[in-house]
Amino acid sequence: MSFLRGAEFVARAQLTWHKPVERQEVEIPVEGELLRAYKYGENLEGTVLIVHGMTLRGIDDPRMDNLGRAFASLGFAVY
């Protein structure tokens, strides 16, 4: 079953085929600072944290948006 879920995720991420997923901007408190983030989906399967790394657009990179929507369309809460 997990192989099928993995294949579905890859298809959704590569083909940008997603169920409609709402994105909301949130602030996450870390050591006295507030980090701006986006939250996608609801926690039905678990929670996924995506770290953008060195992309120039940071969390606003369309590839990060696509990845968040792909995980969320499978039932994960994504930050």
C-alpha atoms as a PDB file:
ATOM      1  CA  MET A   1       0.000   0.000   0.000  1.00  0.00           C
ATOM      2  CA  SER A   2       2.793   2.463   0.818  1.00  0.00           C
ATOM      3  CA  PHE A   3       4.284   1.952  -2.667  1.00  0.00           C
ATOM      4  CA  LEU A   4       0.993   3.046  -4.210  1.00  0.00           C
ATOM      5  CA  ARG A   5       0.802   6.114  -1.941  1.00  0.00           C
ATOM      6  CA  GLY A   6       4.383   7.012  -2.886  1.00  0.00           C
ATOM      7  CA  ALA A   7       3.606   6.648  -6.580  1.00  0.00           C
ATOM      8  CA  GLU A   8       0.503   8.820  -6.149  1.00  0.00           C
ATOM      9  CA  PHE A   9       2.588  11.524  -4.423  1.00  0.00           C
ATOM     10  CA  VAL A  10       5.196  11.497  -7.210  1.00  0.00           C
ATOM     11  CA  ALA A  11       2.462  11.774  -9.843  1.00  0.00           C
ATOM     12  CA  ARG A  12       0.787  14.664  -8.025  1.00  0.00           C
ATOM     13  CA  ALA A  13       4.087  16.495  -7.495  1.00  0.00           C
ATOM     14  CA  GLN A  14       5.301  16.059 -11.074  1.00  0.00           C
ATOM     15  CA  LEU A  15       2.029  16.612 -12.899  1.00  0.00           C
ATOM     16  CA  THR A  16       0.694  19.301 -10.538  1.00  0.00           C
ATOM     17  CA  TRP A  17      -2.480  17.204 -10.269  1.00  0.00           C
ATOM     18  CA  HIS A  18      -4.048  18.095  -6.934  1.00  0.00           C
ATOM     19  CA  LYS A  19      -7.361  18.180  -5.228  1.00  0.00           C
ATOM     20  CA  PRO A  20      -8.220  21.785  -4.312  1.00  0.00           C
ATOM     21  CA  VAL A  21      -6.084  22.637  -1.267  1.00  0.00           C
ATOM     22  CA  GLU A  22      -6.391  25.815   0.771  1.00  0.00           C
ATOM     23  CA  ARG A  23      -3.206  27.640   1.749  1.00  0.00           C
ATOM     24  CA  GLN A  24      -3.095  30.001   4.711  1.00  0.00           C
ATOM     25  CA  GLU A  25      -0.231  32.126   5.999  1.00  0.00           C
ATOM     26  CA  VAL A  26       0.784  31.396   9.601  1.00  0.00           C
ATOM     27  CA  GLU A  27       3.522  32.503  11.984  1.00  0.00           C
ATOM     28  CA  ILE A  28       5.473  29.855  13.908  1.00  0.00           C
ATOM     29  CA  PRO A  29       7.190  30.969  17.142  1.00  0.00           C
ATOM     30  CA  VAL A  30      10.818  29.766  17.362  1.00  0.00           C
ATOM     31  CA  GLU A  31      13.148  30.973  20.139  1.00  0.00           C
ATOM     32  CA  GLY A  32      11.423  34.325  20.537  1.00  0.00           C
ATOM     33  CA  GLU A  33      11.165  34.954  16.781  1.00  0.00           C
ATOM     34  CA  LEU A  34       8.155  34.538  14.496  1.00  0.00           C
ATOM     35  CA  LEU A  35       8.803  32.634  11.286  1.00  0.00           C
ATOM     36  CA  ARG A  36       6.450  33.252   8.377  1.00  0.00           C
ATOM     37  CA  ALA A  37       5.135  30.019   6.879  1.00  0.00           C
ATOM     38  CA  TYR A  38       2.262  28.583   4.878  1.00  0.00           C
ATOM     39  CA  LYS A  39      -0.033  25.836   6.100  1.00  0.00           C
ATOM     40  CA  TYR A  40      -1.677  23.498   3.619  1.00  0.00           C
ATOM     41  CA  GLY A  41      -4.387  20.949   4.368  1.00  0.00           C
ATOM     42  CA  GLU A  42      -5.486  19.220   7.539  1.00  0.00           C
ATOM     43  CA  ASN A  43      -3.808  16.510   9.582  1.00  0.00           C
ATOM     44  CA  LEU A  44      -5.521  13.296   8.476  1.00  0.00           C
ATOM     45  CA  GLU A  45      -2.383  11.210   7.831  1.00  0.00           C
ATOM     46  CA  GLY A  46       0.312  13.153   9.679  1.00  0.00           C
ATOM     47  CA  THR A  47       2.291  16.376   9.447  1.00  0.00           C
ATOM     48  CA  VAL A  48       5.016  17.250   6.937  1.00  0.00           C
ATOM     49  CA  LEU A  49       7.527  20.082   7.373  1.00  0.00           C
ATOM     50  CA  ILE A  50       9.028  21.396   4.132  1.00  0.00           C
ATOM     51  CA  VAL A  51      12.239  23.415   4.420  1.00  0.00           C
ATOM     52  CA  HIS A  52      12.953  25.460   1.293  1.00  0.00           C
ATOM     53  CA  GLY A  53      16.744  25.520   1.593  1.00  0.00           C
ATOM     54  CA  MET A  54      18.469  28.011  -0.664  1.00  0.00           C
ATOM     55  CA  THR A  55      15.743  28.955  -3.144  1.00  0.00           C
ATOM     56  CA  LEU A  56      15.745  32.658  -3.978  1.00  0.00           C
ATOM     57  CA  ARG A  57      12.008  33.047  -3.422  1.00  0.00           C
ATOM     58  CA  GLY A  58      12.015  31.096  -0.135  1.00  0.00           C
ATOM     59  CA  ILE A  59       8.542  29.946   0.863  1.00  0.00           C
ATOM     60  CA  ASP A  60       7.044  31.819  -2.091  1.00  0.00           C
ATOM     61  CA  ASP A  61       8.822  29.566  -4.617  1.00  0.00           C
ATOM     62  CA  PRO A  62       6.190  27.935  -6.884  1.00  0.00           C
ATOM     63  CA  ARG A  63       7.985  24.574  -6.519  1.00  0.00           C
ATOM     64  CA  MET A  64       7.523  24.698  -2.737  1.00  0.00           C
ATOM     65  CA  ASP A  65       3.859  25.598  -3.244  1.00  0.00           C
ATOM     66  CA  ASN A  66       3.439  22.627  -5.578  1.00  0.00           C
ATOM     67  CA  LEU A  67       5.131  20.274  -3.098  1.00  0.00           C
ATOM     68  CA  GLY A  68       2.944  21.524  -0.235  1.00  0.00           C
ATOM     69  CA  ARG A  69      -0.215  21.065  -2.265  1.00  0.00           C
ATOM     70  CA  ALA A  70       0.862  17.576  -3.385  1.00  0.00           C
ATOM     71  CA  PHE A  71       1.358  16.386   0.219  1.00  0.00           C
ATOM     72  CA  ALA A  72      -1.808  18.125   1.443  1.00  0.00           C
ATOM     73  CA  SER A  73      -3.917  16.557  -1.296  1.00  0.00           C
ATOM     74  CA  LEU A  74      -2.936  13.173   0.179  1.00  0.00           C
ATOM     75  CA  GLY A  75      -4.283  14.177   3.613  1.00  0.00           C
ATOM     76  CA  PHE A  76      -1.226  15.610   5.361  1.00  0.00           C
ATOM     77  CA  ALA A  77      -0.955  18.905   7.178  1.00  0.00           C
ATOM     78  CA  VAL A  78       2.009  20.690   5.613  1.00  0.00           C
ATOM     79  CA  TYR A  79       4.031  23.616   6.947  1.00  0.00           C
END
